[in-house]
Amino acid sequence: MKLLKLIPAAAIALTAFTIFEAKAEKVCVLNKGGFVMAMQLNNDITSKKKVSDYYSYGITKCIKFGDVPINVGDFYSVDYKIEANDGRGLQAL
């Protein structure tokens, strides 16, 4: 009978020390510059990537991590592209 009393207490102790993993669903970038930009999410291991549309000041764009499959242990990065108006129209930098 004592064993049955210990089982729930053991289960509670095990769940109290469980490590929970936080998972982000997307990455977002707010354009606060005086230029038009696009953002790019890269899986640095598989070279898969997703690029947003170009957007201007005050707009936020997001890319879901599900759009670029990332496995446990993979690394990813976020890059951005800027277009500047030099009098000849928009030029990619």
PDB file of N, CA and C in Angstrom:
ATOM      1  N   MET A   1       0.812  -1.190   0.000  1.00  0.00           N
ATOM      2  CA  MET A   1       0.000   0.000   0.000  1.00  0.00           C
ATOM      3  C   MET A   1       0.862   1.263   0.000  1.00  0.00           C
ATOM      4  N   LYS A   2       2.005   1.219   0.689  1.00  0.00           N
ATOM      5  CA  LYS A   2       2.897   2.377   0.698  1.00  0.00           C
ATOM      6  C   LYS A   2       3.437   2.675  -0.693  1.00  0.00           C
ATOM      7  N   LEU A   3       3.676   1.636  -1.504  1.00  0.00           N
ATOM      8  CA  LEU A   3       4.178   1.834  -2.856  1.00  0.00           C
ATOM      9  C   LEU A   3       3.194   2.647  -3.692  1.00  0.00           C
ATOM     10  N   LEU A   4       1.915   2.373  -3.570  1.00  0.00           N
ATOM     11  CA  LEU A   4       0.901   3.121  -4.321  1.00  0.00           C
ATOM     12  C   LEU A   4       0.867   4.585  -3.900  1.00  0.00           C
ATOM     13  N   LYS A   5       1.152   4.855  -2.650  1.00  0.00           N
ATOM     14  CA  LYS A   5       1.182   6.241  -2.186  1.00  0.00           C
ATOM     15  C   LYS A   5       2.400   6.976  -2.731  1.00  0.00           C
ATOM     16  N   LEU A   6       3.502   6.274  -2.979  1.00  0.00           N
ATOM     17  CA  LEU A   6       4.721   6.904  -3.473  1.00  0.00           C
ATOM     18  C   LEU A   6       4.682   7.192  -4.967  1.00  0.00           C
ATOM     19  N   ILE A   7       3.938   6.427  -5.728  1.00  0.00           N
ATOM     20  CA  ILE A   7       3.914   6.601  -7.182  1.00  0.00           C
ATOM     21  C   ILE A   7       3.421   7.995  -7.584  1.00  0.00           C
ATOM     22  N   PRO A   8       2.294   8.470  -7.070  1.00  0.00           N
ATOM     23  CA  PRO A   8       1.890   9.834  -7.455  1.00  0.00           C
ATOM     24  C   PRO A   8       2.904  10.898  -7.042  1.00  0.00           C
ATOM     25  N   ALA A   9       3.519  10.732  -5.883  1.00  0.00           N
ATOM     26  CA  ALA A   9       4.515  11.712  -5.441  1.00  0.00           C
ATOM     27  C   ALA A   9       5.721  11.697  -6.375  1.00  0.00           C
ATOM     28  N   ALA A  10       6.140  10.509  -6.835  1.00  0.00           N
ATOM     29  CA  ALA A  10       7.261  10.403  -7.767  1.00  0.00           C
ATOM     30  C   ALA A  10       6.909  11.037  -9.100  1.00  0.00           C
ATOM     31  N   ALA A  11       5.689  10.829  -9.553  1.00  0.00           N
ATOM     32  CA  ALA A  11       5.262  11.419 -10.834  1.00  0.00           C
ATOM     33  C   ALA A  11       5.260  12.937 -10.757  1.00  0.00           C
ATOM     34  N   ILE A  12       4.826  13.465  -9.638  1.00  0.00           N
ATOM     35  CA  ILE A  12       4.814  14.921  -9.461  1.00  0.00           C
ATOM     36  C   ILE A  12       6.250  15.455  -9.443  1.00  0.00           C
ATOM     37  N   ALA A  13       7.147  14.758  -8.773  1.00  0.00           N
ATOM     38  CA  ALA A  13       8.548  15.196  -8.710  1.00  0.00           C
ATOM     39  C   ALA A  13       9.185  15.170 -10.091  1.00  0.00           C
ATOM     40  N   LEU A  14       8.879  14.164 -10.896  1.00  0.00           N
ATOM     41  CA  LEU A  14       9.451  14.082 -12.238  1.00  0.00           C
ATOM     42  C   LEU A  14       8.938  15.201 -13.136  1.00  0.00           C
ATOM     43  N   THR A  15       7.670  15.506 -13.060  1.00  0.00           N
ATOM     44  CA  THR A  15       7.130  16.561 -13.922  1.00  0.00           C
ATOM     45  C   THR A  15       7.609  17.938 -13.465  1.00  0.00           C
ATOM     46  N   ALA A  16       7.923  18.088 -12.184  1.00  0.00           N
ATOM     47  CA  ALA A  16       8.377  19.381 -11.685  1.00  0.00           C
ATOM     48  C   ALA A  16       9.754  19.743 -12.230  1.00  0.00           C
ATOM     49  N   PHE A  17      10.555  18.760 -12.614  1.00  0.00           N
ATOM     50  CA  PHE A  17      11.901  19.021 -13.104  1.00  0.00           C
ATOM     51  C   PHE A  17      12.049  18.801 -14.600  1.00  0.00           C
ATOM     52  N   THR A  18      10.942  18.709 -15.308  1.00  0.00           N
ATOM     53  CA  THR A  18      10.983  18.535 -16.754  1.00  0.00           C
ATOM     54  C   THR A  18      11.421  19.843 -17.398  1.00  0.00           C
ATOM     55  N   ILE A  19      12.316  19.770 -18.365  1.00  0.00           N
ATOM     56  CA  ILE A  19      12.779  20.962 -19.078  1.00  0.00           C
ATOM     57  C   ILE A  19      11.822  21.235 -20.237  1.00  0.00           C
ATOM     58  N   PHE A  20      11.310  22.428 -20.282  1.00  0.00           N
ATOM     59  CA  PHE A  20      10.416  22.807 -21.367  1.00  0.00           C
ATOM     60  C   PHE A  20      11.208  23.601 -22.395  1.00  0.00           C
ATOM     61  N   GLU A  21      10.951  23.335 -23.650  1.00  0.00           N
ATOM     62  CA  GLU A  21      11.667  24.000 -24.732  1.00  0.00           C
ATOM     63  C   GLU A  21      10.749  25.044 -25.351  1.00  0.00           C
ATOM     64  N   ALA A  22      11.229  26.270 -25.444  1.00  0.00           N
ATOM     65  CA  ALA A  22      10.456  27.325 -26.086  1.00  0.00           C
ATOM     66  C   ALA A  22      10.679  27.249 -27.594  1.00  0.00           C
ATOM     67  N   LYS A  23       9.610  27.401 -28.331  1.00  0.00           N
ATOM     68  CA  LYS A  23       9.710  27.326 -29.786  1.00  0.00           C
ATOM     69  C   LYS A  23       9.143  28.599 -30.405  1.00  0.00           C
ATOM     70  N   ALA A  24       9.945  29.262 -31.193  1.00  0.00           N
ATOM     71  CA  ALA A  24       9.480  30.435 -31.923  1.00  0.00           C
ATOM     72  C   ALA A  24       8.808  29.965 -33.204  1.00  0.00           C
ATOM     73  N   GLU A  25       7.776  30.663 -33.624  1.00  0.00           N
ATOM     74  CA  GLU A  25       7.051  30.280 -34.825  1.00  0.00           C
ATOM     75  C   GLU A  25       7.439  31.112 -36.034  1.00  0.00           C
ATOM     76  N   LYS A  26       7.951  32.313 -35.782  1.00  0.00           N
ATOM     77  CA  LYS A  26       8.290  33.189 -36.903  1.00  0.00           C
ATOM     78  C   LYS A  26       9.325  34.210 -36.468  1.00  0.00           C
ATOM     79  N   VAL A  27       9.949  34.822 -37.457  1.00  0.00           N
ATOM     80  CA  VAL A  27      10.875  35.922 -37.197  1.00  0.00           C
ATOM     81  C   VAL A  27      10.325  37.138 -37.947  1.00  0.00           C
ATOM     82  N   CYS A  28      10.320  38.290 -37.276  1.00  0.00           N
ATOM     83  CA  CYS A  28       9.768  39.508 -37.864  1.00  0.00           C
ATOM     84  C   CYS A  28      10.810  40.617 -37.816  1.00  0.00           C
ATOM     85  N   VAL A  29      10.805  41.476 -38.832  1.00  0.00           N
ATOM     86  CA  VAL A  29      11.726  42.611 -38.885  1.00  0.00           C
ATOM     87  C   VAL A  29      10.923  43.867 -39.216  1.00  0.00           C
ATOM     88  N   LEU A  30      11.081  44.888 -38.381  1.00  0.00           N
ATOM     89  CA  LEU A  30      10.445  46.187 -38.591  1.00  0.00           C
ATOM     90  C   LEU A  30      11.413  47.093 -39.337  1.00  0.00           C
ATOM     91  N   ASN A  31      10.971  47.677 -40.430  1.00  0.00           N
ATOM     92  CA  ASN A  31      11.800  48.610 -41.197  1.00  0.00           C
ATOM     93  C   ASN A  31      11.683  49.990 -40.566  1.00  0.00           C
ATOM     94  N   LYS A  32      12.757  50.453 -39.934  1.00  0.00           N
ATOM     95  CA  LYS A  32      12.782  51.786 -39.329  1.00  0.00           C
ATOM     96  C   LYS A  32      13.785  52.687 -40.037  1.00  0.00           C
ATOM     97  N   GLY A  33      14.200  52.306 -41.252  1.00  0.00           N
ATOM     98  CA  GLY A  33      15.172  53.092 -42.003  1.00  0.00           C
ATOM     99  C   GLY A  33      14.517  53.853 -43.141  1.00  0.00           C
ATOM    100  N   GLY A  34      15.258  54.734 -43.744  1.00  0.00           N
ATOM    101  CA  GLY A  34      14.763  55.523 -44.860  1.00  0.00           C
ATOM    102  C   GLY A  34      15.038  54.836 -46.185  1.00  0.00           C
ATOM    103  N   PHE A  35      14.695  53.578 -46.295  1.00  0.00           N
ATOM    104  CA  PHE A  35      14.970  52.800 -47.497  1.00  0.00           C
ATOM    105  C   PHE A  35      13.951  51.682 -47.635  1.00  0.00           C
ATOM    106  N   VAL A  36      13.943  51.066 -48.775  1.00  0.00           N
ATOM    107  CA  VAL A  36      13.104  49.897 -49.027  1.00  0.00           C
ATOM    108  C   VAL A  36      13.965  48.671 -48.765  1.00  0.00           C
ATOM    109  N   MET A  37      13.406  47.669 -48.086  1.00  0.00           N
ATOM    110  CA  MET A  37      14.208  46.500 -47.737  1.00  0.00           C
ATOM    111  C   MET A  37      13.402  45.215 -47.879  1.00  0.00           C
ATOM    112  N   ALA A  38      14.116  44.113 -47.909  1.00  0.00           N
ATOM    113  CA  ALA A  38      13.524  42.778 -47.850  1.00  0.00           C
ATOM    114  C   ALA A  38      14.336  41.977 -46.844  1.00  0.00           C
ATOM    115  N   MET A  39      13.701  41.001 -46.212  1.00  0.00           N
ATOM    116  CA  MET A  39      14.431  40.143 -45.278  1.00  0.00           C
ATOM    117  C   MET A  39      14.470  38.725 -45.815  1.00  0.00           C
ATOM    118  N   GLN A  40      15.475  37.973 -45.367  1.00  0.00           N
ATOM    119  CA  GLN A  40      15.676  36.606 -45.845  1.00  0.00           C
ATOM    120  C   GLN A  40      16.014  35.719 -44.658  1.00  0.00           C
ATOM    121  N   LEU A  41      15.296  34.603 -44.514  1.00  0.00           N
ATOM    122  CA  LEU A  41      15.566  33.614 -43.470  1.00  0.00           C
ATOM    123  C   LEU A  41      16.301  32.455 -44.109  1.00  0.00           C
ATOM    124  N   ASN A  42      17.478  32.116 -43.570  1.00  0.00           N
ATOM    125  CA  ASN A  42      18.334  31.076 -44.154  1.00  0.00           C
ATOM    126  C   ASN A  42      18.541  29.927 -43.177  1.00  0.00           C
ATOM    127  N   ASN A  43      18.491  28.685 -43.678  1.00  0.00           N
ATOM    128  CA  ASN A  43      18.983  27.541 -42.928  1.00  0.00           C
ATOM    129  C   ASN A  43      20.436  27.398 -43.352  1.00  0.00           C
ATOM    130  N   ASP A  44      21.355  27.661 -42.441  1.00  0.00           N
ATOM    131  CA  ASP A  44      22.777  27.697 -42.783  1.00  0.00           C
ATOM    132  C   ASP A  44      23.368  26.316 -43.038  1.00  0.00           C
ATOM    133  N   ILE A  45      22.664  25.248 -42.682  1.00  0.00           N
ATOM    134  CA  ILE A  45      23.153  23.892 -42.906  1.00  0.00           C
ATOM    135  C   ILE A  45      22.694  23.363 -44.265  1.00  0.00           C
ATOM    136  N   THR A  46      21.396  23.531 -44.578  1.00  0.00           N
ATOM    137  CA  THR A  46      20.847  22.973 -45.824  1.00  0.00           C
ATOM    138  C   THR A  46      20.820  23.983 -46.970  1.00  0.00           C
ATOM    139  N   SER A  47      21.108  25.242 -46.699  1.00  0.00           N
ATOM    140  CA  SER A  47      21.088  26.335 -47.684  1.00  0.00           C
ATOM    141  C   SER A  47      19.694  26.653 -48.200  1.00  0.00           C
ATOM    142  N   LYS A  48      18.653  26.173 -47.535  1.00  0.00           N
ATOM    143  CA  LYS A  48      17.289  26.555 -47.916  1.00  0.00           C
ATOM    144  C   LYS A  48      17.022  27.944 -47.374  1.00  0.00           C
ATOM    145  N   LYS A  49      16.195  28.713 -48.096  1.00  0.00           N
ATOM    146  CA  LYS A  49      15.922  30.078 -47.668  1.00  0.00           C
ATOM    147  C   LYS A  49      14.542  30.517 -48.108  1.00  0.00           C
ATOM    148  N   LYS A  50      14.058  31.591 -47.477  1.00  0.00           N
ATOM    149  CA  LYS A  50      12.790  32.219 -47.829  1.00  0.00           C
ATOM    150  C   LYS A  50      13.015  33.721 -47.790  1.00  0.00           C
ATOM    151  N   VAL A  51      12.591  34.424 -48.839  1.00  0.00           N
ATOM    152  CA  VAL A  51      12.791  35.863 -48.949  1.00  0.00           C
ATOM    153  C   VAL A  51      11.431  36.553 -48.935  1.00  0.00           C
ATOM    154  N   SER A  52      11.318  37.638 -48.178  1.00  0.00           N
ATOM    155  CA  SER A  52      10.079  38.412 -48.152  1.00  0.00           C
ATOM    156  C   SER A  52      10.030  39.348 -49.360  1.00  0.00           C
ATOM    157  N   ASP A  53       8.891  39.966 -49.548  1.00  0.00           N
ATOM    158  CA  ASP A  53       8.768  41.039 -50.535  1.00  0.00           C
ATOM    159  C   ASP A  53       9.496  42.262 -50.001  1.00  0.00           C
ATOM    160  N   TYR A  54       9.814  43.200 -50.872  1.00  0.00           N
ATOM    161  CA  TYR A  54      10.393  44.467 -50.424  1.00  0.00           C
ATOM    162  C   TYR A  54       9.314  45.291 -49.733  1.00  0.00           C
ATOM    163  N   TYR A  55       9.700  46.001 -48.674  1.00  0.00           N
ATOM    164  CA  TYR A  55       8.739  46.827 -47.951  1.00  0.00           C
ATOM    165  C   TYR A  55       9.427  48.078 -47.436  1.00  0.00           C
ATOM    166  N   SER A  56       8.630  49.109 -47.160  1.00  0.00           N
ATOM    167  CA  SER A  56       9.186  50.423 -46.829  1.00  0.00           C
ATOM    168  C   SER A  56       9.081  50.725 -45.330  1.00  0.00           C
ATOM    169  N   TYR A  57       9.461  51.960 -44.976  1.00  0.00           N
ATOM    170  CA  TYR A  57       9.528  52.434 -43.591  1.00  0.00           C
ATOM    171  C   TYR A  57       8.208  52.197 -42.848  1.00  0.00           C
ATOM    172  N   GLY A  58       8.336  51.728 -41.612  1.00  0.00           N
ATOM    173  CA  GLY A  58       7.174  51.581 -40.748  1.00  0.00           C
ATOM    174  C   GLY A  58       6.421  50.272 -40.901  1.00  0.00           C
ATOM    175  N   ILE A  59       6.844  49.419 -41.798  1.00  0.00           N
ATOM    176  CA  ILE A  59       6.155  48.153 -42.041  1.00  0.00           C
ATOM    177  C   ILE A  59       6.975  47.015 -41.457  1.00  0.00           C
ATOM    178  N   THR A  60       6.280  46.041 -40.892  1.00  0.00           N
ATOM    179  CA  THR A  60       6.911  44.838 -40.344  1.00  0.00           C
ATOM    180  C   THR A  60       6.551  43.656 -41.230  1.00  0.00           C
ATOM    181  N   LYS A  61       7.528  42.864 -41.585  1.00  0.00           N
ATOM    182  CA  LYS A  61       7.314  41.621 -42.341  1.00  0.00           C
ATOM    183  C   LYS A  61       7.777  40.456 -41.489  1.00  0.00           C
ATOM    184  N   CYS A  62       7.088  39.329 -41.620  1.00  0.00           N
ATOM    185  CA  CYS A  62       7.424  38.126 -40.862  1.00  0.00           C
ATOM    186  C   CYS A  62       7.579  36.941 -41.817  1.00  0.00           C
ATOM    187  N   ILE A  63       8.440  36.010 -41.434  1.00  0.00           N
ATOM    188  CA  ILE A  63       8.593  34.741 -42.147  1.00  0.00           C
ATOM    189  C   ILE A  63       8.437  33.629 -41.129  1.00  0.00           C
ATOM    190  N   LYS A  64       7.575  32.671 -41.419  1.00  0.00           N
ATOM    191  CA  LYS A  64       7.367  31.531 -40.527  1.00  0.00           C
ATOM    192  C   LYS A  64       8.543  30.567 -40.642  1.00  0.00           C
ATOM    193  N   PHE A  65       8.968  30.029 -39.507  1.00  0.00           N
ATOM    194  CA  PHE A  65      10.059  29.050 -39.520  1.00  0.00           C
ATOM    195  C   PHE A  65       9.660  27.802 -40.296  1.00  0.00           C
ATOM    196  N   GLY A  66       8.372  27.510 -40.382  1.00  0.00           N
ATOM    197  CA  GLY A  66       7.912  26.359 -41.143  1.00  0.00           C
ATOM    198  C   GLY A  66       8.169  26.499 -42.634  1.00  0.00           C
ATOM    199  N   ASP A  67       8.361  27.731 -43.124  1.00  0.00           N
ATOM    200  CA  ASP A  67       8.653  27.954 -44.545  1.00  0.00           C
ATOM    201  C   ASP A  67      10.081  27.558 -44.905  1.00  0.00           C
ATOM    202  N   VAL A  68      10.954  27.464 -43.911  1.00  0.00           N
ATOM    203  CA  VAL A  68      12.343  27.045 -44.111  1.00  0.00           C
ATOM    204  C   VAL A  68      12.596  25.922 -43.109  1.00  0.00           C
ATOM    205  N   PRO A  69      12.440  24.666 -43.511  1.00  0.00           N
ATOM    206  CA  PRO A  69      12.584  23.575 -42.550  1.00  0.00           C
ATOM    207  C   PRO A  69      13.937  23.611 -41.832  1.00  0.00           C
ATOM    208  N   ILE A  70      13.868  23.543 -40.510  1.00  0.00           N
ATOM    209  CA  ILE A  70      15.071  23.577 -39.685  1.00  0.00           C
ATOM    210  C   ILE A  70      15.025  22.374 -38.755  1.00  0.00           C
ATOM    211  N   ASN A  71      16.029  21.531 -38.822  1.00  0.00           N
ATOM    212  CA  ASN A  71      16.111  20.345 -37.981  1.00  0.00           C
ATOM    213  C   ASN A  71      16.876  20.657 -36.703  1.00  0.00           C
ATOM    214  N   VAL A  72      16.739  19.783 -35.721  1.00  0.00           N
ATOM    215  CA  VAL A  72      17.481  19.942 -34.469  1.00  0.00           C
ATOM    216  C   VAL A  72      18.977  19.985 -34.785  1.00  0.00           C
ATOM    217  N   GLY A  73      19.648  20.984 -34.284  1.00  0.00           N
ATOM    218  CA  GLY A  73      21.079  21.126 -34.519  1.00  0.00           C
ATOM    219  C   GLY A  73      21.432  22.033 -35.682  1.00  0.00           C
ATOM    220  N   ASP A  74      20.445  22.385 -36.524  1.00  0.00           N
ATOM    221  CA  ASP A  74      20.708  23.299 -37.640  1.00  0.00           C
ATOM    222  C   ASP A  74      20.870  24.725 -37.116  1.00  0.00           C
ATOM    223  N   PHE A  75      21.567  25.534 -37.871  1.00  0.00           N
ATOM    224  CA  PHE A  75      21.714  26.948 -37.574  1.00  0.00           C
ATOM    225  C   PHE A  75      20.968  27.735 -38.637  1.00  0.00           C
ATOM    226  N   TYR A  76      20.433  28.865 -38.245  1.00  0.00           N
ATOM    227  CA  TYR A  76      19.779  29.723 -39.220  1.00  0.00           C
ATOM    228  C   TYR A  76      20.163  31.167 -38.972  1.00  0.00           C
ATOM    229  N   SER A  77      19.983  31.976 -40.007  1.00  0.00           N
ATOM    230  CA  SER A  77      20.325  33.388 -39.905  1.00  0.00           C
ATOM    231  C   SER A  77      19.276  34.206 -40.633  1.00  0.00           C
ATOM    232  N   VAL A  78      19.235  35.479 -40.290  1.00  0.00           N
ATOM    233  CA  VAL A  78      18.328  36.419 -40.947  1.00  0.00           C
ATOM    234  C   VAL A  78      19.187  37.490 -41.600  1.00  0.00           C
ATOM    235  N   ASP A  79      19.011  37.649 -42.897  1.00  0.00           N
ATOM    236  CA  ASP A  79      19.721  38.684 -43.644  1.00  0.00           C
ATOM    237  C   ASP A  79      18.706  39.686 -44.163  1.00  0.00           C
ATOM    238  N   TYR A  80      19.180  40.833 -44.584  1.00  0.00           N
ATOM    239  CA  TYR A  80      18.292  41.805 -45.212  1.00  0.00           C
ATOM    240  C   TYR A  80      18.952  42.376 -46.447  1.00  0.00           C
ATOM    241  N   LYS A  81      18.099  42.812 -47.368  1.00  0.00           N
ATOM    242  CA  LYS A  81      18.560  43.457 -48.597  1.00  0.00           C
ATOM    243  C   LYS A  81      17.984  44.862 -48.596  1.00  0.00           C
ATOM    244  N   ILE A  82      18.787  45.814 -49.039  1.00  0.00           N
ATOM    245  CA  ILE A  82      18.371  47.217 -49.054  1.00  0.00           C
ATOM    246  C   ILE A  82      18.404  47.733 -50.483  1.00  0.00           C
ATOM    247  N   GLU A  83      17.387  48.521 -50.815  1.00  0.00           N
ATOM    248  CA  GLU A  83      17.396  49.242 -52.087  1.00  0.00           C
ATOM    249  C   GLU A  83      17.486  50.728 -51.770  1.00  0.00           C
ATOM    250  N   ALA A  84      18.392  51.417 -52.434  1.00  0.00           N
ATOM    251  CA  ALA A  84      18.569  52.854 -52.211  1.00  0.00           C
ATOM    252  C   ALA A  84      18.288  53.601 -53.499  1.00  0.00           C
ATOM    253  N   ASN A  85      17.701  54.769 -53.380  1.00  0.00           N
ATOM    254  CA  ASN A  85      17.405  55.583 -54.542  1.00  0.00           C
ATOM    255  C   ASN A  85      18.546  56.580 -54.726  1.00  0.00           C
ATOM    256  N   ASP A  86      19.323  56.393 -55.793  1.00  0.00           N
ATOM    257  CA  ASP A  86      20.471  57.284 -56.036  1.00  0.00           C
ATOM    258  C   ASP A  86      20.204  58.241 -57.190  1.00  0.00           C
ATOM    259  N   GLY A  87      18.943  58.484 -57.495  1.00  0.00           N
ATOM    260  CA  GLY A  87      18.596  59.379 -58.590  1.00  0.00           C
ATOM    261  C   GLY A  87      18.363  58.659 -59.900  1.00  0.00           C
ATOM    262  N   ARG A  88      18.805  57.409 -60.010  1.00  0.00           N
ATOM    263  CA  ARG A  88      18.612  56.626 -61.240  1.00  0.00           C
ATOM    264  C   ARG A  88      17.554  55.555 -61.026  1.00  0.00           C
ATOM    265  N   GLY A  89      16.835  55.649 -59.938  1.00  0.00           N
ATOM    266  CA  GLY A  89      15.852  54.601 -59.609  1.00  0.00           C
ATOM    267  C   GLY A  89      16.390  53.741 -58.494  1.00  0.00           C
ATOM    268  N   LEU A  90      15.645  52.737 -58.138  1.00  0.00           N
ATOM    269  CA  LEU A  90      16.044  51.872 -57.038  1.00  0.00           C
ATOM    270  C   LEU A  90      17.162  50.924 -57.475  1.00  0.00           C
ATOM    271  N   GLN A  91      18.188  50.867 -56.682  1.00  0.00           N
ATOM    272  CA  GLN A  91      19.337  50.001 -56.965  1.00  0.00           C
ATOM    273  C   GLN A  91      19.518  49.028 -55.802  1.00  0.00           C
ATOM    274  N   ALA A  92      19.707  47.758 -56.115  1.00  0.00           N
ATOM    275  CA  ALA A  92      19.962  46.778 -55.058  1.00  0.00           C
ATOM    276  C   ALA A  92      21.370  46.961 -54.517  1.00  0.00           C
ATOM    277  N   LEU A  93      21.525  46.918 -53.208  1.00  0.00           N
ATOM    278  CA  LEU A  93      22.838  47.058 -52.570  1.00  0.00           C
ATOM    279  C   LEU A  93      23.352  45.701 -52.164  1.00  0.00           C
TER     280      LEU A  93
END
